[in-house]
């Protein structure tokens, strides 16, 4: 049966000797990625949430790829992730040696497709990772924050961002506008790590992080009482809003609740996109 199927594939009237030779050659052929290097390109700077997630991805993905290539992480940040996204479409080799780990790419393309020289729909998308964002502020934000409800009383809020059209900035402004909280807005930080340092220097007093960075860099500040977790964006399955799995692993966040919004009562865990 095996010989007959191969004869069908390569044509009839071939000798058994030729068939056996072809079978041996096929079995000896190495996987495409064997002995090769695969570059994981991250479109944000080192130390930020996208970089942390991308490096976790890179650490484990190799063993699931036939041939187990060596994995190298490369950061190409700038323009709220657009530099890295455009690099994938314009410059990166199209031989399977580069894969992008991109944050905000779809947002930017939908909002400003003219900034992309290559149509994002022409990219070969492999997978999508759902996520959430955790918002926090300095505890000494006037007149002082001891619990999330106190956030509605702030008088000198300065929120930081990465770029006017970045997904992070859009969510910041949308959240604060819906809550009716007055704020000043400072954007253009090169990475979340830079913005976080600005918050520690009190240049800004509110920012947000994804769960990996929150757990490693922000949670210790919460424990010291230097910052206060406010709310998080919910998960969405197309029908209902829920608690993201990443947040469910941080019990202290599940009790956050902000009331007193000028636009009505809202529970922040069901507040966002």
C-alpha atoms as a PDB file:
ATOM      1  CA  UNK A   1       0.000   0.000   0.000  1.00  0.00           C
ATOM      2  CA  UNK A   2       2.868   2.409   0.868  1.00  0.00           C
ATOM      3  CA  UNK A   3       4.660   1.732  -2.435  1.00  0.00           C
ATOM      4  CA  UNK A   4       1.434   2.100  -4.358  1.00  0.00           C
ATOM      5  CA  UNK A   5       0.655   5.474  -2.789  1.00  0.00           C
ATOM      6  CA  UNK A   6       4.120   6.785  -3.593  1.00  0.00           C
ATOM      7  CA  UNK A   7       3.783   5.540  -7.166  1.00  0.00           C
ATOM      8  CA  UNK A   8       0.610   7.559  -7.442  1.00  0.00           C
ATOM      9  CA  UNK A   9       2.419  10.655  -6.225  1.00  0.00           C
ATOM     10  CA  UNK A  10       5.444  10.482  -8.518  1.00  0.00           C
ATOM     11  CA  UNK A  11       3.961   8.729 -11.507  1.00  0.00           C
ATOM     12  CA  UNK A  12       3.469   5.117 -12.576  1.00  0.00           C
ATOM     13  CA  UNK A  13       6.049   2.813 -14.216  1.00  0.00           C
ATOM     14  CA  UNK A  14       8.797   3.828 -11.717  1.00  0.00           C
ATOM     15  CA  UNK A  15      11.020   1.071 -10.458  1.00  0.00           C
ATOM     16  CA  UNK A  16      10.996  -0.143  -6.865  1.00  0.00           C
ATOM     17  CA  UNK A  17      14.652   0.916  -6.614  1.00  0.00           C
ATOM     18  CA  UNK A  18      13.790   4.531  -7.391  1.00  0.00           C
ATOM     19  CA  UNK A  19      10.898   4.464  -4.938  1.00  0.00           C
ATOM     20  CA  UNK A  20      13.084   3.170  -2.127  1.00  0.00           C
ATOM     21  CA  UNK A  21      15.714   5.827  -2.865  1.00  0.00           C
ATOM     22  CA  UNK A  22      13.127   8.604  -2.694  1.00  0.00           C
ATOM     23  CA  UNK A  23      11.774   7.307   0.610  1.00  0.00           C
ATOM     24  CA  UNK A  24      15.283   7.264   2.115  1.00  0.00           C
ATOM     25  CA  UNK A  25      15.982  10.811   0.922  1.00  0.00           C
ATOM     26  CA  UNK A  26      12.731  12.094   2.388  1.00  0.00           C
ATOM     27  CA  UNK A  27      13.422  10.488   5.750  1.00  0.00           C
ATOM     28  CA  UNK A  28      16.926  11.960   5.834  1.00  0.00           C
ATOM     29  CA  UNK A  29      15.780  15.524   5.069  1.00  0.00           C
ATOM     30  CA  UNK A  30      16.279  17.832   8.062  1.00  0.00           C
ATOM     31  CA  UNK A  31      13.501  20.058   9.465  1.00  0.00           C
ATOM     32  CA  UNK A  32      13.486  23.585   8.041  1.00  0.00           C
ATOM     33  CA  UNK A  33      14.631  25.211  11.295  1.00  0.00           C
ATOM     34  CA  UNK A  34      17.296  22.655  12.227  1.00  0.00           C
ATOM     35  CA  UNK A  35      20.575  24.460  12.898  1.00  0.00           C
ATOM     36  CA  UNK A  36      19.021  27.874  12.198  1.00  0.00           C
ATOM     37  CA  UNK A  37      18.364  30.959  14.258  1.00  0.00           C
ATOM     38  CA  UNK A  38      14.907  32.456  14.706  1.00  0.00           C
ATOM     39  CA  UNK A  39      14.726  36.127  15.718  1.00  0.00           C
ATOM     40  CA  UNK A  40      11.787  37.244  17.867  1.00  0.00           C
ATOM     41  CA  UNK A  41      11.369  40.947  17.134  1.00  0.00           C
ATOM     42  CA  UNK A  42       9.709  42.946  19.941  1.00  0.00           C
ATOM     43  CA  UNK A  43       8.291  46.332  18.966  1.00  0.00           C
ATOM     44  CA  UNK A  44       8.891  47.976  22.359  1.00  0.00           C
ATOM     45  CA  UNK A  45      12.030  48.711  24.380  1.00  0.00           C
ATOM     46  CA  UNK A  46      13.767  46.308  26.734  1.00  0.00           C
ATOM     47  CA  UNK A  47      12.363  46.204  30.257  1.00  0.00           C
ATOM     48  CA  UNK A  48       8.778  47.035  29.329  1.00  0.00           C
ATOM     49  CA  UNK A  49       5.753  44.711  29.505  1.00  0.00           C
ATOM     50  CA  UNK A  50       5.882  43.727  25.833  1.00  0.00           C
ATOM     51  CA  UNK A  51       9.582  42.935  26.171  1.00  0.00           C
ATOM     52  CA  UNK A  52       9.023  40.793  29.270  1.00  0.00           C
ATOM     53  CA  UNK A  53       6.198  38.868  27.614  1.00  0.00           C
ATOM     54  CA  UNK A  54       8.191  38.513  24.387  1.00  0.00           C
ATOM     55  CA  UNK A  55      11.197  37.107  26.220  1.00  0.00           C
ATOM     56  CA  UNK A  56       9.019  34.611  28.078  1.00  0.00           C
ATOM     57  CA  UNK A  57       7.596  33.567  24.724  1.00  0.00           C
ATOM     58  CA  UNK A  58      11.092  33.280  23.227  1.00  0.00           C
ATOM     59  CA  UNK A  59      12.374  31.225  26.145  1.00  0.00           C
ATOM     60  CA  UNK A  60       9.897  28.424  25.524  1.00  0.00           C
ATOM     61  CA  UNK A  61       8.767  28.548  21.886  1.00  0.00           C
ATOM     62  CA  UNK A  62      11.890  26.929  20.430  1.00  0.00           C
ATOM     63  CA  UNK A  63      11.168  23.484  21.816  1.00  0.00           C
ATOM     64  CA  UNK A  64       7.790  23.451  20.083  1.00  0.00           C
ATOM     65  CA  UNK A  65       9.198  24.208  16.630  1.00  0.00           C
ATOM     66  CA  UNK A  66      10.348  21.274  14.510  1.00  0.00           C
ATOM     67  CA  UNK A  67      14.121  21.559  14.323  1.00  0.00           C
ATOM     68  CA  UNK A  68      14.360  23.545  17.587  1.00  0.00           C
ATOM     69  CA  UNK A  69      16.101  26.680  16.264  1.00  0.00           C
ATOM     70  CA  UNK A  70      18.173  28.972  18.451  1.00  0.00           C
ATOM     71  CA  UNK A  71      15.967  31.876  19.581  1.00  0.00           C
ATOM     72  CA  UNK A  72      17.260  35.459  19.724  1.00  0.00           C
ATOM     73  CA  UNK A  73      15.248  38.480  20.951  1.00  0.00           C
ATOM     74  CA  UNK A  74      15.682  41.808  19.173  1.00  0.00           C
ATOM     75  CA  UNK A  75      14.061  45.077  20.312  1.00  0.00           C
ATOM     76  CA  UNK A  76      13.024  47.673  17.727  1.00  0.00           C
ATOM     77  CA  UNK A  77      11.100  50.317  19.612  1.00  0.00           C
ATOM     78  CA  UNK A  78       9.903  53.766  18.677  1.00  0.00           C
ATOM     79  CA  UNK A  79       6.725  55.583  17.617  1.00  0.00           C
ATOM     80  CA  UNK A  80       4.622  53.590  20.100  1.00  0.00           C
ATOM     81  CA  UNK A  81       5.652  50.271  18.567  1.00  0.00           C
ATOM     82  CA  UNK A  82       5.207  51.359  14.948  1.00  0.00           C
ATOM     83  CA  UNK A  83       8.932  51.202  14.148  1.00  0.00           C
ATOM     84  CA  UNK A  84       9.100  47.495  14.917  1.00  0.00           C
ATOM     85  CA  UNK A  85       5.821  46.727  13.193  1.00  0.00           C
ATOM     86  CA  UNK A  86       6.930  48.487  10.008  1.00  0.00           C
ATOM     87  CA  UNK A  87      10.346  46.810  10.146  1.00  0.00           C
ATOM     88  CA  UNK A  88       8.678  43.401   9.926  1.00  0.00           C
ATOM     89  CA  UNK A  89       6.866  44.381   6.726  1.00  0.00           C
ATOM     90  CA  UNK A  90       9.512  46.538   5.052  1.00  0.00           C
ATOM     91  CA  UNK A  91      12.973  45.334   6.021  1.00  0.00           C
ATOM     92  CA  UNK A  92      12.994  41.971   7.776  1.00  0.00           C
ATOM     93  CA  UNK A  93      13.930  38.982   5.588  1.00  0.00           C
ATOM     94  CA  UNK A  94      10.961  36.994   4.316  1.00  0.00           C
ATOM     95  CA  UNK A  95      12.542  33.600   4.786  1.00  0.00           C
ATOM     96  CA  UNK A  96      10.929  32.543   8.046  1.00  0.00           C
ATOM     97  CA  UNK A  97      13.889  33.698  10.157  1.00  0.00           C
ATOM     98  CA  UNK A  98      12.050  36.589  11.870  1.00  0.00           C
ATOM     99  CA  UNK A  99       8.810  36.529  13.833  1.00  0.00           C
ATOM    100  CA  UNK A 100       7.265  39.589  15.442  1.00  0.00           C
ATOM    101  CA  UNK A 101       5.960  39.803  18.992  1.00  0.00           C
ATOM    102  CA  UNK A 102       3.924  42.973  18.575  1.00  0.00           C
ATOM    103  CA  UNK A 103       1.770  45.028  20.906  1.00  0.00           C
ATOM    104  CA  UNK A 104      -0.755  47.536  19.581  1.00  0.00           C
ATOM    105  CA  UNK A 105      -0.174  46.727  15.912  1.00  0.00           C
ATOM    106  CA  UNK A 106      -3.849  46.222  15.061  1.00  0.00           C
ATOM    107  CA  UNK A 107      -4.891  49.338  16.995  1.00  0.00           C
ATOM    108  CA  UNK A 108      -2.462  51.495  15.096  1.00  0.00           C
ATOM    109  CA  UNK A 109      -3.358  50.089  11.705  1.00  0.00           C
ATOM    110  CA  UNK A 110      -7.088  50.591  12.225  1.00  0.00           C
ATOM    111  CA  UNK A 111      -6.586  54.092  13.610  1.00  0.00           C
ATOM    112  CA  UNK A 112      -3.939  55.308  11.164  1.00  0.00           C
ATOM    113  CA  UNK A 113      -3.394  52.900   8.247  1.00  0.00           C
ATOM    114  CA  UNK A 114      -1.484  55.594   6.355  1.00  0.00           C
ATOM    115  CA  UNK A 115       1.426  55.205   8.795  1.00  0.00           C
ATOM    116  CA  UNK A 116       2.013  51.676   7.508  1.00  0.00           C
ATOM    117  CA  UNK A 117       3.923  51.342   4.228  1.00  0.00           C
ATOM    118  CA  UNK A 118       2.962  47.668   4.153  1.00  0.00           C
ATOM    119  CA  UNK A 119      -0.663  46.617   4.628  1.00  0.00           C
ATOM    120  CA  UNK A 120      -0.904  44.922   8.023  1.00  0.00           C
ATOM    121  CA  UNK A 121      -3.417  42.467   6.574  1.00  0.00           C
ATOM    122  CA  UNK A 122      -0.628  41.059   4.397  1.00  0.00           C
ATOM    123  CA  UNK A 123       1.305  39.870   7.464  1.00  0.00           C
ATOM    124  CA  UNK A 124       1.155  36.166   8.303  1.00  0.00           C
ATOM    125  CA  UNK A 125      -0.402  36.119  11.764  1.00  0.00           C
ATOM    126  CA  UNK A 126       0.398  33.052  13.862  1.00  0.00           C
ATOM    127  CA  UNK A 127      -1.362  33.635  17.177  1.00  0.00           C
ATOM    128  CA  UNK A 128      -3.013  36.187  19.439  1.00  0.00           C
ATOM    129  CA  UNK A 129      -2.485  36.518  23.176  1.00  0.00           C
ATOM    130  CA  UNK A 130      -5.286  38.168  25.156  1.00  0.00           C
ATOM    131  CA  UNK A 131      -4.212  40.458  27.945  1.00  0.00           C
ATOM    132  CA  UNK A 132      -5.266  43.153  30.357  1.00  0.00           C
ATOM    133  CA  UNK A 133      -3.947  46.378  31.840  1.00  0.00           C
ATOM    134  CA  UNK A 134      -3.660  47.299  35.524  1.00  0.00           C
ATOM    135  CA  UNK A 135      -3.879  50.998  36.405  1.00  0.00           C
ATOM    136  CA  UNK A 136      -2.125  52.466  39.432  1.00  0.00           C
ATOM    137  CA  UNK A 137      -1.169  55.812  40.960  1.00  0.00           C
ATOM    138  CA  UNK A 138       1.211  57.210  43.535  1.00  0.00           C
ATOM    139  CA  UNK A 139      -0.262  57.115  47.024  1.00  0.00           C
ATOM    140  CA  UNK A 140       0.776  60.723  47.620  1.00  0.00           C
ATOM    141  CA  UNK A 141      -1.241  62.032  44.683  1.00  0.00           C
ATOM    142  CA  UNK A 142      -3.044  65.050  46.252  1.00  0.00           C
ATOM    143  CA  UNK A 143      -4.952  64.910  48.490  1.00  0.00           C
ATOM    144  CA  UNK A 144      -3.649  61.355  49.115  1.00  0.00           C
ATOM    145  CA  UNK A 145      -4.769  57.839  48.143  1.00  0.00           C
ATOM    146  CA  UNK A 146      -5.511  55.143  50.715  1.00  0.00           C
ATOM    147  CA  UNK A 147      -8.205  53.251  48.814  1.00  0.00           C
ATOM    148  CA  UNK A 148      -9.395  53.252  45.184  1.00  0.00           C
ATOM    149  CA  UNK A 149     -12.408  55.458  45.968  1.00  0.00           C
ATOM    150  CA  UNK A 150     -10.022  58.249  46.919  1.00  0.00           C
ATOM    151  CA  UNK A 151      -9.017  58.477  43.269  1.00  0.00           C
ATOM    152  CA  UNK A 152     -12.213  60.384  42.512  1.00  0.00           C
ATOM    153  CA  UNK A 153     -10.967  63.214  44.763  1.00  0.00           C
ATOM    154  CA  UNK A 154      -7.547  63.768  43.166  1.00  0.00           C
ATOM    155  CA  UNK A 155      -6.748  67.360  42.275  1.00  0.00           C
ATOM    156  CA  UNK A 156      -3.329  67.220  40.627  1.00  0.00           C
ATOM    157  CA  UNK A 157      -3.362  64.055  38.513  1.00  0.00           C
ATOM    158  CA  UNK A 158      -0.621  63.749  35.898  1.00  0.00           C
ATOM    159  CA  UNK A 159      -0.875  60.633  33.721  1.00  0.00           C
ATOM    160  CA  UNK A 160       2.021  59.419  31.590  1.00  0.00           C
ATOM    161  CA  UNK A 161       1.992  57.809  28.150  1.00  0.00           C
ATOM    162  CA  UNK A 162       4.070  56.484  25.272  1.00  0.00           C
ATOM    163  CA  UNK A 163       2.504  58.340  22.358  1.00  0.00           C
ATOM    164  CA  UNK A 164      -0.702  60.168  21.549  1.00  0.00           C
ATOM    165  CA  UNK A 165      -2.029  57.327  19.404  1.00  0.00           C
ATOM    166  CA  UNK A 166      -0.604  54.388  21.353  1.00  0.00           C
ATOM    167  CA  UNK A 167      -3.134  51.870  22.755  1.00  0.00           C
ATOM    168  CA  UNK A 168      -1.947  52.566  26.296  1.00  0.00           C
ATOM    169  CA  UNK A 169      -2.528  56.299  25.933  1.00  0.00           C
ATOM    170  CA  UNK A 170      -5.931  55.828  24.342  1.00  0.00           C
ATOM    171  CA  UNK A 171      -7.048  53.655  27.241  1.00  0.00           C
ATOM    172  CA  UNK A 172      -5.690  56.140  29.793  1.00  0.00           C
ATOM    173  CA  UNK A 173      -7.580  59.056  28.298  1.00  0.00           C
ATOM    174  CA  UNK A 174     -10.741  57.059  27.703  1.00  0.00           C
ATOM    175  CA  UNK A 175     -10.823  55.783  31.289  1.00  0.00           C
ATOM    176  CA  UNK A 176     -10.255  59.178  32.859  1.00  0.00           C
ATOM    177  CA  UNK A 177     -12.739  60.910  30.556  1.00  0.00           C
ATOM    178  CA  UNK A 178     -15.420  58.351  31.399  1.00  0.00           C
ATOM    179  CA  UNK A 179     -14.731  58.705  35.118  1.00  0.00           C
ATOM    180  CA  UNK A 180     -14.876  62.467  34.764  1.00  0.00           C
ATOM    181  CA  UNK A 181     -11.493  62.946  36.418  1.00  0.00           C
ATOM    182  CA  UNK A 182      -9.507  66.032  35.433  1.00  0.00           C
ATOM    183  CA  UNK A 183      -5.893  65.337  34.559  1.00  0.00           C
ATOM    184  CA  UNK A 184      -2.736  66.605  32.903  1.00  0.00           C
ATOM    185  CA  UNK A 185      -1.239  64.431  30.226  1.00  0.00           C
ATOM    186  CA  UNK A 186       2.486  63.851  29.606  1.00  0.00           C
ATOM    187  CA  UNK A 187       3.319  61.511  26.738  1.00  0.00           C
ATOM    188  CA  UNK A 188       6.300  60.540  24.610  1.00  0.00           C
ATOM    189  CA  UNK A 189       8.147  58.284  27.060  1.00  0.00           C
ATOM    190  CA  UNK A 190      10.288  55.820  25.126  1.00  0.00           C
ATOM    191  CA  UNK A 191       9.126  52.785  27.091  1.00  0.00           C
ATOM    192  CA  UNK A 192       7.041  51.728  30.081  1.00  0.00           C
ATOM    193  CA  UNK A 193      10.254  51.357  32.040  1.00  0.00           C
ATOM    194  CA  UNK A 194      11.083  55.014  31.378  1.00  0.00           C
ATOM    195  CA  UNK A 195       7.551  56.088  32.312  1.00  0.00           C
ATOM    196  CA  UNK A 196       7.718  54.036  35.496  1.00  0.00           C
ATOM    197  CA  UNK A 197      10.972  55.775  36.478  1.00  0.00           C
ATOM    198  CA  UNK A 198       9.241  59.108  35.801  1.00  0.00           C
ATOM    199  CA  UNK A 199       6.486  58.056  38.194  1.00  0.00           C
ATOM    200  CA  UNK A 200       9.057  57.206  40.867  1.00  0.00           C
ATOM    201  CA  UNK A 201      10.571  60.695  40.381  1.00  0.00           C
ATOM    202  CA  UNK A 202       7.064  62.177  40.728  1.00  0.00           C
ATOM    203  CA  UNK A 203       7.112  63.653  37.218  1.00  0.00           C
ATOM    204  CA  UNK A 204       3.848  61.785  36.681  1.00  0.00           C
ATOM    205  CA  UNK A 205       1.664  60.119  39.280  1.00  0.00           C
ATOM    206  CA  UNK A 206      -0.437  57.644  37.287  1.00  0.00           C
ATOM    207  CA  UNK A 207       0.439  54.910  34.823  1.00  0.00           C
ATOM    208  CA  UNK A 208      -0.547  51.355  33.862  1.00  0.00           C
ATOM    209  CA  UNK A 209       1.180  48.021  33.269  1.00  0.00           C
ATOM    210  CA  UNK A 210       0.416  44.556  31.969  1.00  0.00           C
ATOM    211  CA  UNK A 211       0.337  41.771  34.595  1.00  0.00           C
ATOM    212  CA  UNK A 212       3.956  40.536  34.099  1.00  0.00           C
ATOM    213  CA  UNK A 213       5.435  43.976  34.779  1.00  0.00           C
ATOM    214  CA  UNK A 214       2.895  44.727  37.490  1.00  0.00           C
ATOM    215  CA  UNK A 215       3.892  41.582  39.386  1.00  0.00           C
ATOM    216  CA  UNK A 216       7.632  42.176  39.086  1.00  0.00           C
ATOM    217  CA  UNK A 217       7.973  45.964  39.260  1.00  0.00           C
ATOM    218  CA  UNK A 218       4.779  47.499  40.663  1.00  0.00           C
ATOM    219  CA  UNK A 219       3.526  45.003  43.256  1.00  0.00           C
ATOM    220  CA  UNK A 220       6.574  45.629  45.480  1.00  0.00           C
ATOM    221  CA  UNK A 221       5.752  49.343  45.410  1.00  0.00           C
ATOM    222  CA  UNK A 222       2.164  48.540  46.382  1.00  0.00           C
ATOM    223  CA  UNK A 223       3.403  46.498  49.339  1.00  0.00           C
ATOM    224  CA  UNK A 224       5.551  49.447  50.464  1.00  0.00           C
ATOM    225  CA  UNK A 225       2.542  51.757  50.220  1.00  0.00           C
ATOM    226  CA  UNK A 226       4.181  53.947  47.580  1.00  0.00           C
ATOM    227  CA  UNK A 227       1.539  53.284  44.899  1.00  0.00           C
ATOM    228  CA  UNK A 228      -2.065  52.089  44.896  1.00  0.00           C
ATOM    229  CA  UNK A 229      -3.686  49.721  42.387  1.00  0.00           C
ATOM    230  CA  UNK A 230      -6.863  51.289  40.998  1.00  0.00           C
ATOM    231  CA  UNK A 231      -8.590  49.082  38.433  1.00  0.00           C
ATOM    232  CA  UNK A 232      -7.984  46.761  35.489  1.00  0.00           C
ATOM    233  CA  UNK A 233      -9.455  46.161  32.053  1.00  0.00           C
ATOM    234  CA  UNK A 234     -11.823  43.172  31.798  1.00  0.00           C
ATOM    235  CA  UNK A 235     -11.645  40.184  29.531  1.00  0.00           C
ATOM    236  CA  UNK A 236     -14.244  39.950  26.754  1.00  0.00           C
ATOM    237  CA  UNK A 237     -15.367  36.815  24.916  1.00  0.00           C
ATOM    238  CA  UNK A 238     -17.580  38.619  22.418  1.00  0.00           C
ATOM    239  CA  UNK A 239     -20.626  38.468  24.670  1.00  0.00           C
ATOM    240  CA  UNK A 240     -19.747  39.142  28.290  1.00  0.00           C
ATOM    241  CA  UNK A 241     -17.102  40.925  30.347  1.00  0.00           C
ATOM    242  CA  UNK A 242     -15.161  38.969  32.923  1.00  0.00           C
ATOM    243  CA  UNK A 243     -12.109  38.768  35.155  1.00  0.00           C
ATOM    244  CA  UNK A 244      -8.927  38.075  33.160  1.00  0.00           C
ATOM    245  CA  UNK A 245      -7.001  35.010  34.234  1.00  0.00           C
ATOM    246  CA  UNK A 246      -3.875  37.102  34.818  1.00  0.00           C
ATOM    247  CA  UNK A 247      -5.752  39.308  37.289  1.00  0.00           C
ATOM    248  CA  UNK A 248      -7.411  36.371  39.037  1.00  0.00           C
ATOM    249  CA  UNK A 249      -3.899  35.387  40.144  1.00  0.00           C
ATOM    250  CA  UNK A 250      -3.568  38.732  41.997  1.00  0.00           C
ATOM    251  CA  UNK A 251      -6.263  38.480  44.715  1.00  0.00           C
ATOM    252  CA  UNK A 252      -5.703  42.001  46.039  1.00  0.00           C
ATOM    253  CA  UNK A 253      -6.952  43.456  42.752  1.00  0.00           C
ATOM    254  CA  UNK A 254     -10.267  41.614  42.824  1.00  0.00           C
ATOM    255  CA  UNK A 255     -11.538  43.802  45.657  1.00  0.00           C
ATOM    256  CA  UNK A 256     -10.887  47.129  43.955  1.00  0.00           C
ATOM    257  CA  UNK A 257     -13.992  49.208  43.405  1.00  0.00           C
ATOM    258  CA  UNK A 258     -14.323  52.868  42.479  1.00  0.00           C
ATOM    259  CA  UNK A 259     -17.569  54.695  43.155  1.00  0.00           C
ATOM    260  CA  UNK A 260     -18.560  58.325  42.859  1.00  0.00           C
ATOM    261  CA  UNK A 261     -17.856  58.823  39.165  1.00  0.00           C
ATOM    262  CA  UNK A 262     -19.367  62.005  37.780  1.00  0.00           C
ATOM    263  CA  UNK A 263     -20.819  59.791  35.098  1.00  0.00           C
ATOM    264  CA  UNK A 264     -22.355  57.317  37.522  1.00  0.00           C
ATOM    265  CA  UNK A 265     -21.234  54.376  39.621  1.00  0.00           C
ATOM    266  CA  UNK A 266     -18.766  52.068  37.961  1.00  0.00           C
ATOM    267  CA  UNK A 267     -16.893  48.949  38.889  1.00  0.00           C
ATOM    268  CA  UNK A 268     -13.444  49.291  37.314  1.00  0.00           C
ATOM    269  CA  UNK A 269     -12.949  45.594  36.732  1.00  0.00           C
ATOM    270  CA  UNK A 270     -15.712  45.916  34.145  1.00  0.00           C
ATOM    271  CA  UNK A 271     -14.388  49.135  32.731  1.00  0.00           C
ATOM    272  CA  UNK A 272     -12.365  49.362  29.556  1.00  0.00           C
ATOM    273  CA  UNK A 273     -12.450  47.962  26.068  1.00  0.00           C
END
